[in-house]
C-alpha atoms as a PDB file:
ATOM      1  CA  UNK A   1      61.360  23.791 -22.576  1.00  0.00           C
ATOM      2  CA  UNK A   2      60.963  24.066 -18.919  1.00  0.00           C
ATOM      3  CA  UNK A   3      63.661  24.498 -16.325  1.00  0.00           C
ATOM      4  CA  UNK A   4      64.073  20.752 -15.203  1.00  0.00           C
ATOM      5  CA  UNK A   5      63.925  19.539 -18.439  1.00  0.00           C
ATOM      6  CA  UNK A   6      67.280  22.000 -19.450  1.00  0.00           C
ATOM      7  CA  UNK A   7      69.258  20.429 -16.245  1.00  0.00           C
ATOM      8  CA  UNK A   8      68.565  17.316 -17.107  1.00  0.00           C
ATOM      9  CA  UNK A   9      68.955  17.487 -20.977  1.00  0.00           C
ATOM     10  CA  UNK A  10      72.398  19.251 -19.635  1.00  0.00           C
ATOM     11  CA  UNK A  11      73.202  16.430 -17.412  1.00  0.00           C
ATOM     12  CA  UNK A  12      73.231  13.716 -19.813  1.00  0.00           C
ATOM     13  CA  UNK A  13      75.113  15.885 -22.127  1.00  0.00           C
ATOM     14  CA  UNK A  14      78.097  16.426 -19.154  1.00  0.00           C
ATOM     15  CA  UNK A  15      77.511  12.458 -18.335  1.00  0.00           C
ATOM     16  CA  UNK A  16      79.294  11.341 -21.490  1.00  0.00           C
ATOM     17  CA  UNK A  17      81.443  15.197 -21.907  1.00  0.00           C
ATOM     18  CA  UNK A  18      83.047  16.736 -18.612  1.00  0.00           C
ATOM     19  CA  UNK A  19      82.333  13.713 -16.390  1.00  0.00           C
ATOM     20  CA  UNK A  20      83.698  10.555 -18.137  1.00  0.00           C
ATOM     21  CA  UNK A  21      86.882  11.037 -16.606  1.00  0.00           C
ATOM     22  CA  UNK A  22      85.154  10.038 -12.950  1.00  0.00           C
ATOM     23  CA  UNK A  23      84.655   6.971 -15.053  1.00  0.00           C
ATOM     24  CA  UNK A  24      88.121   6.624 -15.704  1.00  0.00           C
ATOM     25  CA  UNK A  25      89.662   2.571 -14.961  1.00  0.00           C
ATOM     26  CA  UNK A  26      92.146   4.481 -12.791  1.00  0.00           C
ATOM     27  CA  UNK A  27      89.489   6.122 -10.654  1.00  0.00           C
ATOM     28  CA  UNK A  28      87.113   2.722 -10.392  1.00  0.00           C
ATOM     29  CA  UNK A  29      90.733   1.168  -9.542  1.00  0.00           C
ATOM     30  CA  UNK A  30      91.184   3.268  -6.701  1.00  0.00           C
ATOM     31  CA  UNK A  31      87.495   3.228  -5.927  1.00  0.00           C
ATOM     32  CA  UNK A  32      87.869  -0.108  -5.249  1.00  0.00           C
ATOM     33  CA  UNK A  33      91.326  -0.295  -3.380  1.00  0.00           C
ATOM     34  CA  UNK A  34      89.846   2.327  -0.820  1.00  0.00           C
ATOM     35  CA  UNK A  35      86.020   2.548  -0.761  1.00  0.00           C
ATOM     36  CA  UNK A  36      86.440   5.268   1.566  1.00  0.00           C
ATOM     37  CA  UNK A  37      88.258   7.704  -0.739  1.00  0.00           C
ATOM     38  CA  UNK A  38      85.065   8.429  -2.263  1.00  0.00           C
ATOM     39  CA  UNK A  39      83.989  11.042   0.762  1.00  0.00           C
ATOM     40  CA  UNK A  40      85.693  13.581   2.834  1.00  0.00           C
ATOM     41  CA  UNK A  41      88.115  11.932   5.775  1.00  0.00           C
ATOM     42  CA  UNK A  42      85.355  14.382   8.385  1.00  0.00           C
ATOM     43  CA  UNK A  43      81.874  12.938   6.284  1.00  0.00           C
ATOM     44  CA  UNK A  44      83.550   9.936   6.431  1.00  0.00           C
ATOM     45  CA  UNK A  45      84.204   9.932  10.317  1.00  0.00           C
ATOM     46  CA  UNK A  46      80.245  10.987  10.984  1.00  0.00           C
ATOM     47  CA  UNK A  47      79.598   7.963   8.704  1.00  0.00           C
ATOM     48  CA  UNK A  48      81.468   5.383  10.810  1.00  0.00           C
ATOM     49  CA  UNK A  49      80.297   6.422  13.966  1.00  0.00           C
ATOM     50  CA  UNK A  50      76.672   6.360  12.688  1.00  0.00           C
ATOM     51  CA  UNK A  51      77.263   2.563  10.999  1.00  0.00           C
ATOM     52  CA  UNK A  52      80.617   0.836  12.258  1.00  0.00           C
ATOM     53  CA  UNK A  53      79.510  -1.817   9.868  1.00  0.00           C
ATOM     54  CA  UNK A  54      77.324  -0.974   6.652  1.00  0.00           C
ATOM     55  CA  UNK A  55      76.705  -4.718   5.881  1.00  0.00           C
ATOM     56  CA  UNK A  56      73.215  -5.378   5.494  1.00  0.00           C
ATOM     57  CA  UNK A  57      72.393  -1.390   5.277  1.00  0.00           C
ATOM     58  CA  UNK A  58      69.486  -0.497   2.943  1.00  0.00           C
ATOM     59  CA  UNK A  59      70.977   3.160   1.379  1.00  0.00           C
ATOM     60  CA  UNK A  60      69.774   5.482  -1.083  1.00  0.00           C
ATOM     61  CA  UNK A  61      71.566   7.970  -2.977  1.00  0.00           C
ATOM     62  CA  UNK A  62      69.734  10.698  -4.583  1.00  0.00           C
ATOM     63  CA  UNK A  63      71.386  12.859  -6.922  1.00  0.00           C
ATOM     64  CA  UNK A  64      74.120   9.997  -6.854  1.00  0.00           C
ATOM     65  CA  UNK A  65      75.964  12.403 -10.103  1.00  0.00           C
ATOM     66  CA  UNK A  66      79.156  10.231 -10.445  1.00  0.00           C
ATOM     67  CA  UNK A  67      77.943   7.409  -8.468  1.00  0.00           C
ATOM     68  CA  UNK A  68      81.149   6.745  -6.670  1.00  0.00           C
ATOM     69  CA  UNK A  69      79.325   6.730  -3.168  1.00  0.00           C
ATOM     70  CA  UNK A  70      77.367   4.167  -4.585  1.00  0.00           C
ATOM     71  CA  UNK A  71      79.846   2.337  -5.874  1.00  0.00           C
ATOM     72  CA  UNK A  72      81.873   2.531  -2.608  1.00  0.00           C
ATOM     73  CA  UNK A  73      78.889   1.639   0.051  1.00  0.00           C
ATOM     74  CA  UNK A  74      78.010  -1.608  -2.421  1.00  0.00           C
ATOM     75  CA  UNK A  75      81.740  -1.995  -1.666  1.00  0.00           C
ATOM     76  CA  UNK A  76      81.499  -1.755   2.580  1.00  0.00           C
ATOM     77  CA  UNK A  77      78.629  -4.194   2.110  1.00  0.00           C
ATOM     78  CA  UNK A  78      75.235  -2.127   1.876  1.00  0.00           C
ATOM     79  CA  UNK A  79      72.310  -2.666  -0.306  1.00  0.00           C
ATOM     80  CA  UNK A  80      72.048   0.353  -2.404  1.00  0.00           C
ATOM     81  CA  UNK A  81      69.829   2.350  -3.987  1.00  0.00           C
ATOM     82  CA  UNK A  82      71.145   4.958  -6.879  1.00  0.00           C
ATOM     83  CA  UNK A  83      68.668   7.745  -7.870  1.00  0.00           C
ATOM     84  CA  UNK A  84      68.897  10.468 -10.279  1.00  0.00           C
ATOM     85  CA  UNK A  85      67.138  12.169 -13.270  1.00  0.00           C
ATOM     86  CA  UNK A  86      69.729  12.045 -15.571  1.00  0.00           C
ATOM     87  CA  UNK A  87      69.281   8.844 -17.656  1.00  0.00           C
ATOM     88  CA  UNK A  88      72.811   8.647 -19.069  1.00  0.00           C
ATOM     89  CA  UNK A  89      74.468   8.923 -15.391  1.00  0.00           C
ATOM     90  CA  UNK A  90      72.508   5.876 -14.324  1.00  0.00           C
ATOM     91  CA  UNK A  91      73.318   4.258 -17.614  1.00  0.00           C
ATOM     92  CA  UNK A  92      76.698   4.993 -17.516  1.00  0.00           C
ATOM     93  CA  UNK A  93      77.267   3.985 -13.775  1.00  0.00           C
ATOM     94  CA  UNK A  94      75.185   0.662 -14.351  1.00  0.00           C
ATOM     95  CA  UNK A  95      77.425  -0.420 -17.192  1.00  0.00           C
ATOM     96  CA  UNK A  96      80.371   0.283 -14.331  1.00  0.00           C
ATOM     97  CA  UNK A  97      78.539  -2.271 -12.001  1.00  0.00           C
ATOM     98  CA  UNK A  98      77.284  -4.461 -14.502  1.00  0.00           C
ATOM     99  CA  UNK A  99      80.777  -5.151 -15.594  1.00  0.00           C
ATOM    100  CA  UNK A 100      82.343  -5.484 -12.075  1.00  0.00           C
ATOM    101  CA  UNK A 101      79.187  -7.773 -10.925  1.00  0.00           C
ATOM    102  CA  UNK A 102      78.100  -5.067  -8.388  1.00  0.00           C
ATOM    103  CA  UNK A 103      74.388  -5.725  -7.551  1.00  0.00           C
ATOM    104  CA  UNK A 104      73.320  -2.082  -7.423  1.00  0.00           C
ATOM    105  CA  UNK A 105      69.495  -0.854  -8.016  1.00  0.00           C
ATOM    106  CA  UNK A 106      69.287   2.219 -10.015  1.00  0.00           C
ATOM    107  CA  UNK A 107      66.558   4.468 -10.722  1.00  0.00           C
ATOM    108  CA  UNK A 108      65.475   7.508 -12.669  1.00  0.00           C
ATOM    109  CA  UNK A 109      64.152   9.659 -10.268  1.00  0.00           C
ATOM    110  CA  UNK A 110      63.674  13.604  -9.354  1.00  0.00           C
ATOM    111  CA  UNK A 111      65.386  14.035  -6.000  1.00  0.00           C
ATOM    112  CA  UNK A 112      62.739  16.516  -5.099  1.00  0.00           C
ATOM    113  CA  UNK A 113      59.854  13.880  -5.455  1.00  0.00           C
ATOM    114  CA  UNK A 114      61.579  10.086  -5.412  1.00  0.00           C
ATOM    115  CA  UNK A 115      58.214   9.245  -7.080  1.00  0.00           C
ATOM    116  CA  UNK A 116      59.814   5.587  -7.580  1.00  0.00           C
ATOM    117  CA  UNK A 117      60.789   4.972  -3.909  1.00  0.00           C
ATOM    118  CA  UNK A 118      58.865   3.169  -1.535  1.00  0.00           C
ATOM    119  CA  UNK A 119      58.334   5.022   2.012  1.00  0.00           C
ATOM    120  CA  UNK A 120      59.812   4.014   5.436  1.00  0.00           C
ATOM    121  CA  UNK A 121      62.969   1.831   2.826  1.00  0.00           C
ATOM    122  CA  UNK A 122      65.960   3.207   3.877  1.00  0.00           C
ATOM    123  CA  UNK A 123      68.693   2.995   7.322  1.00  0.00           C
ATOM    124  CA  UNK A 124      70.497   5.675   5.168  1.00  0.00           C
ATOM    125  CA  UNK A 125      70.018   8.601   3.077  1.00  0.00           C
ATOM    126  CA  UNK A 126      73.166  10.014   1.491  1.00  0.00           C
ATOM    127  CA  UNK A 127      73.493  13.171  -0.669  1.00  0.00           C
ATOM    128  CA  UNK A 128      77.102  14.288  -2.104  1.00  0.00           C
ATOM    129  CA  UNK A 129      78.668  17.696  -3.212  1.00  0.00           C
ATOM    130  CA  UNK A 130      76.975  19.225  -5.840  1.00  0.00           C
ATOM    131  CA  UNK A 131      73.950  18.019  -5.183  1.00  0.00           C
ATOM    132  CA  UNK A 132      71.814  21.338  -3.779  1.00  0.00           C
ATOM    133  CA  UNK A 133      73.119  23.606  -6.292  1.00  0.00           C
ATOM    134  CA  UNK A 134      70.597  21.908  -8.654  1.00  0.00           C
ATOM    135  CA  UNK A 135      67.809  22.004  -6.343  1.00  0.00           C
ATOM    136  CA  UNK A 136      65.109  24.570  -6.888  1.00  0.00           C
ATOM    137  CA  UNK A 137      62.397  22.743  -3.652  1.00  0.00           C
ATOM    138  CA  UNK A 138      64.340  22.168  -0.398  1.00  0.00           C
ATOM    139  CA  UNK A 139      61.354  21.307   1.321  1.00  0.00           C
ATOM    140  CA  UNK A 140      60.292  19.087  -0.989  1.00  0.00           C
ATOM    141  CA  UNK A 141      63.621  17.402  -1.376  1.00  0.00           C
ATOM    142  CA  UNK A 142      63.487  16.977   2.396  1.00  0.00           C
ATOM    143  CA  UNK A 143      60.381  16.043   2.577  1.00  0.00           C
ATOM    144  CA  UNK A 144      60.956  13.022   0.133  1.00  0.00           C
ATOM    145  CA  UNK A 145      64.115  12.291   1.968  1.00  0.00           C
ATOM    146  CA  UNK A 146      62.348  11.905   5.313  1.00  0.00           C
ATOM    147  CA  UNK A 147      59.542  10.126   4.016  1.00  0.00           C
ATOM    148  CA  UNK A 148      61.942   6.953   2.315  1.00  0.00           C
ATOM    149  CA  UNK A 149      63.725   6.221   5.740  1.00  0.00           C
ATOM    150  CA  UNK A 150      62.449   4.347   8.316  1.00  0.00           C
ATOM    151  CA  UNK A 151      61.584   5.378  11.852  1.00  0.00           C
ATOM    152  CA  UNK A 152      65.183   6.625  13.387  1.00  0.00           C
ATOM    153  CA  UNK A 153      66.366   6.611   9.844  1.00  0.00           C
ATOM    154  CA  UNK A 154      69.713   8.531   9.122  1.00  0.00           C
ATOM    155  CA  UNK A 155      70.724  11.409   6.853  1.00  0.00           C
ATOM    156  CA  UNK A 156      73.796  12.470   5.811  1.00  0.00           C
ATOM    157  CA  UNK A 157      74.636  15.433   3.332  1.00  0.00           C
ATOM    158  CA  UNK A 158      78.331  16.762   2.464  1.00  0.00           C
ATOM    159  CA  UNK A 159      78.546  19.262  -0.041  1.00  0.00           C
ATOM    160  CA  UNK A 160      80.256  23.195  -0.662  1.00  0.00           C
ATOM    161  CA  UNK A 161      79.990  25.371   2.090  1.00  0.00           C
ATOM    162  CA  UNK A 162      77.503  28.559   1.529  1.00  0.00           C
ATOM    163  CA  UNK A 163      80.252  30.394   2.445  1.00  0.00           C
ATOM    164  CA  UNK A 164      82.194  30.359  -0.384  1.00  0.00           C
ATOM    165  CA  UNK A 165      78.984  30.735  -3.020  1.00  0.00           C
ATOM    166  CA  UNK A 166      79.412  34.266  -3.232  1.00  0.00           C
ATOM    167  CA  UNK A 167      82.788  34.257  -4.260  1.00  0.00           C
ATOM    168  CA  UNK A 168      85.097  33.898  -7.542  1.00  0.00           C
ATOM    169  CA  UNK A 169      87.862  31.762  -5.873  1.00  0.00           C
ATOM    170  CA  UNK A 170      91.290  32.533  -7.809  1.00  0.00           C
ATOM    171  CA  UNK A 171      93.874  32.951  -5.722  1.00  0.00           C
ATOM    172  CA  UNK A 172      94.007  36.782  -5.190  1.00  0.00           C
ATOM    173  CA  UNK A 173      94.446  39.301  -1.819  1.00  0.00           C
ATOM    174  CA  UNK A 174      91.690  40.382  -2.562  1.00  0.00           C
ATOM    175  CA  UNK A 175      87.939  38.485  -2.220  1.00  0.00           C
ATOM    176  CA  UNK A 176      85.568  38.909  -5.183  1.00  0.00           C
ATOM    177  CA  UNK A 177      82.514  39.158  -4.630  1.00  0.00           C
ATOM    178  CA  UNK A 178      80.125  38.279  -7.554  1.00  0.00           C
ATOM    179  CA  UNK A 179      76.578  37.567  -5.544  1.00  0.00           C
ATOM    180  CA  UNK A 180      75.381  38.302  -1.984  1.00  0.00           C
ATOM    181  CA  UNK A 181      75.042  35.647   0.121  1.00  0.00           C
ATOM    182  CA  UNK A 182      71.209  36.080   0.649  1.00  0.00           C
ATOM    183  CA  UNK A 183      70.448  35.893  -3.225  1.00  0.00           C
ATOM    184  CA  UNK A 184      70.063  32.304  -3.836  1.00  0.00           C
ATOM    185  CA  UNK A 185      69.111  32.190  -7.274  1.00  0.00           C
ATOM    186  CA  UNK A 186      68.342  30.823  -9.855  1.00  0.00           C
ATOM    187  CA  UNK A 187      71.220  31.875 -11.905  1.00  0.00           C
ATOM    188  CA  UNK A 188      71.929  30.632 -15.182  1.00  0.00           C
ATOM    189  CA  UNK A 189      69.769  29.372 -18.199  1.00  0.00           C
ATOM    190  CA  UNK A 190      70.432  25.934 -17.056  1.00  0.00           C
ATOM    191  CA  UNK A 191      69.417  26.754 -13.146  1.00  0.00           C
ATOM    192  CA  UNK A 192      71.396  26.832 -10.113  1.00  0.00           C
ATOM    193  CA  UNK A 193      70.682  28.027  -7.146  1.00  0.00           C
ATOM    194  CA  UNK A 194      72.839  28.950  -3.522  1.00  0.00           C
ATOM    195  CA  UNK A 195      71.268  28.334  -0.745  1.00  0.00           C
ATOM    196  CA  UNK A 196      71.978  29.767   2.598  1.00  0.00           C
ATOM    197  CA  UNK A 197      72.934  27.690   5.607  1.00  0.00           C
ATOM    198  CA  UNK A 198      69.523  28.728   6.869  1.00  0.00           C
ATOM    199  CA  UNK A 199      67.932  27.677   3.915  1.00  0.00           C
ATOM    200  CA  UNK A 200      69.559  23.608   3.944  1.00  0.00           C
ATOM    201  CA  UNK A 201      68.623  23.659   8.213  1.00  0.00           C
ATOM    202  CA  UNK A 202      64.942  24.925   8.329  1.00  0.00           C
ATOM    203  CA  UNK A 203      64.306  22.764   5.012  1.00  0.00           C
ATOM    204  CA  UNK A 204      65.334  19.640   6.922  1.00  0.00           C
ATOM    205  CA  UNK A 205      63.696  20.559  10.716  1.00  0.00           C
ATOM    206  CA  UNK A 206      60.719  21.817   8.735  1.00  0.00           C
ATOM    207  CA  UNK A 207      60.723  17.846   6.693  1.00  0.00           C
ATOM    208  CA  UNK A 208      60.737  16.505  10.609  1.00  0.00           C
ATOM    209  CA  UNK A 209      64.484  15.957  11.030  1.00  0.00           C
ATOM    210  CA  UNK A 210      66.146  16.083  14.490  1.00  0.00           C
ATOM    211  CA  UNK A 211      69.810  17.622  14.169  1.00  0.00           C
ATOM    212  CA  UNK A 212      72.582  14.892  15.622  1.00  0.00           C
ATOM    213  CA  UNK A 213      75.948  16.965  14.423  1.00  0.00           C
ATOM    214  CA  UNK A 214      77.295  19.657  12.125  1.00  0.00           C
ATOM    215  CA  UNK A 215      81.038  19.595  10.557  1.00  0.00           C
ATOM    216  CA  UNK A 216      82.585  22.941   8.821  1.00  0.00           C
ATOM    217  CA  UNK A 217      85.937  21.572   6.905  1.00  0.00           C
ATOM    218  CA  UNK A 218      88.358  23.873   5.949  1.00  0.00           C
ATOM    219  CA  UNK A 219      90.440  24.070   2.648  1.00  0.00           C
ATOM    220  CA  UNK A 220      93.139  21.136   3.154  1.00  0.00           C
ATOM    221  CA  UNK A 221      93.594  19.846  -0.389  1.00  0.00           C
ATOM    222  CA  UNK A 222      93.260  23.263  -2.489  1.00  0.00           C
ATOM    223  CA  UNK A 223      89.893  21.824  -4.355  1.00  0.00           C
ATOM    224  CA  UNK A 224      87.694  24.437  -4.158  1.00  0.00           C
ATOM    225  CA  UNK A 225      84.600  24.028  -6.437  1.00  0.00           C
ATOM    226  CA  UNK A 226      83.247  27.235  -8.326  1.00  0.00           C
ATOM    227  CA  UNK A 227      79.482  28.063  -9.069  1.00  0.00           C
ATOM    228  CA  UNK A 228      79.077  26.269 -12.293  1.00  0.00           C
ATOM    229  CA  UNK A 229      80.484  22.878 -10.700  1.00  0.00           C
ATOM    230  CA  UNK A 230      83.353  22.898 -12.401  1.00  0.00           C
ATOM    231  CA  UNK A 231      86.652  21.881 -10.211  1.00  0.00           C
ATOM    232  CA  UNK A 232      89.592  24.119 -10.626  1.00  0.00           C
ATOM    233  CA  UNK A 233      91.708  21.872  -8.972  1.00  0.00           C
ATOM    234  CA  UNK A 234      91.754  19.308 -11.814  1.00  0.00           C
ATOM    235  CA  UNK A 235      94.469  21.677 -14.468  1.00  0.00           C
ATOM    236  CA  UNK A 236      96.485  23.246 -11.185  1.00  0.00           C
ATOM    237  CA  UNK A 237      99.702  22.405  -9.931  1.00  0.00           C
ATOM    238  CA  UNK A 238     100.809  21.487  -6.439  1.00  0.00           C
ATOM    239  CA  UNK A 239     102.436  24.951  -5.757  1.00  0.00           C
ATOM    240  CA  UNK A 240      99.405  26.725  -7.083  1.00  0.00           C
ATOM    241  CA  UNK A 241      96.497  23.750  -4.969  1.00  0.00           C
ATOM    242  CA  UNK A 242      99.112  24.329  -1.919  1.00  0.00           C
ATOM    243  CA  UNK A 243      98.856  28.525  -2.511  1.00  0.00           C
ATOM    244  CA  UNK A 244      94.705  27.584  -2.991  1.00  0.00           C
ATOM    245  CA  UNK A 245      94.822  26.373   0.739  1.00  0.00           C
ATOM    246  CA  UNK A 246      97.139  29.239   2.238  1.00  0.00           C
ATOM    247  CA  UNK A 247      94.759  31.903   4.092  1.00  0.00           C
ATOM    248  CA  UNK A 248      97.482  34.494   3.727  1.00  0.00           C
ATOM    249  CA  UNK A 249      97.863  34.145  -0.562  1.00  0.00           C
ATOM    250  CA  UNK A 250      94.447  33.221  -0.806  1.00  0.00           C
ATOM    251  CA  UNK A 251      91.479  35.026   1.831  1.00  0.00           C
ATOM    252  CA  UNK A 252      88.617  32.600   1.127  1.00  0.00           C
ATOM    253  CA  UNK A 253      91.113  30.032   2.535  1.00  0.00           C
ATOM    254  CA  UNK A 254      89.915  31.724   5.978  1.00  0.00           C
ATOM    255  CA  UNK A 255      86.610  30.682   5.171  1.00  0.00           C
ATOM    256  CA  UNK A 256      85.105  26.612   5.500  1.00  0.00           C
ATOM    257  CA  UNK A 257      85.312  24.952   2.260  1.00  0.00           C
ATOM    258  CA  UNK A 258      83.292  21.846   2.912  1.00  0.00           C
ATOM    259  CA  UNK A 259      80.151  21.283   5.447  1.00  0.00           C
ATOM    260  CA  UNK A 260      78.558  18.140   6.522  1.00  0.00           C
ATOM    261  CA  UNK A 261      75.096  17.248   8.060  1.00  0.00           C
ATOM    262  CA  UNK A 262      73.983  14.448  10.293  1.00  0.00           C
ATOM    263  CA  UNK A 263      69.970  14.430  10.603  1.00  0.00           C
ATOM    264  CA  UNK A 264      67.931  11.577  11.882  1.00  0.00           C
ATOM    265  CA  UNK A 265      64.067  11.184  10.915  1.00  0.00           C
ATOM    266  CA  UNK A 266      61.982  11.375  13.985  1.00  0.00           C
END
């Protein structure tokens, strides 16, 4: 079985197990009440600065995952296409959309190909946390994101900051290095990748994007993501979460936790 099939098979399984919690009635109700909750506050500010009104904008969300961003964009008035190569993720998300009467397009597609998406179609493309770790060809990904945007279309990404990738994240007075920063992978039987800032930016630039704004966000909520994309914050007490954000107790809190980049198709 090739690596892409292994990843797809794993995500189809995880959609019905580990990620079912993201489709709970409580989480979807919160999203309906506050669509902006799908985004980090800093990323949301970047989004609102770029598009004060999303009404009628055409948005594509490749590697759409739990589809919270997809649902939020729809609730804000956009016309949204959700792309993922996990059929189960899309099926589960489309069930929610159908139940609520949301008109969202779901397309099964590989973010590195976007073969089923026409060129020059979208005003805005957004990728969220946990996308890049699954991408083995950044240049193909950004070539195709660039292709599907119309002239002057905008791309915004939000993901874990690459500076956190080399480390274990437990609260400790010593930093535990598990991989050097310059070693990007693949790692594991289901291959993942730990791209550096230079890898992300060089892939965007070489694909024809013009960088407009970059934000590095520090630990505020205690929700760190480990390398296998399991959220440690789910089982922690408030004190443990507070300790995660205290750089005197956890040296990693002195490093940026999240990264957002806004770029424009030139």
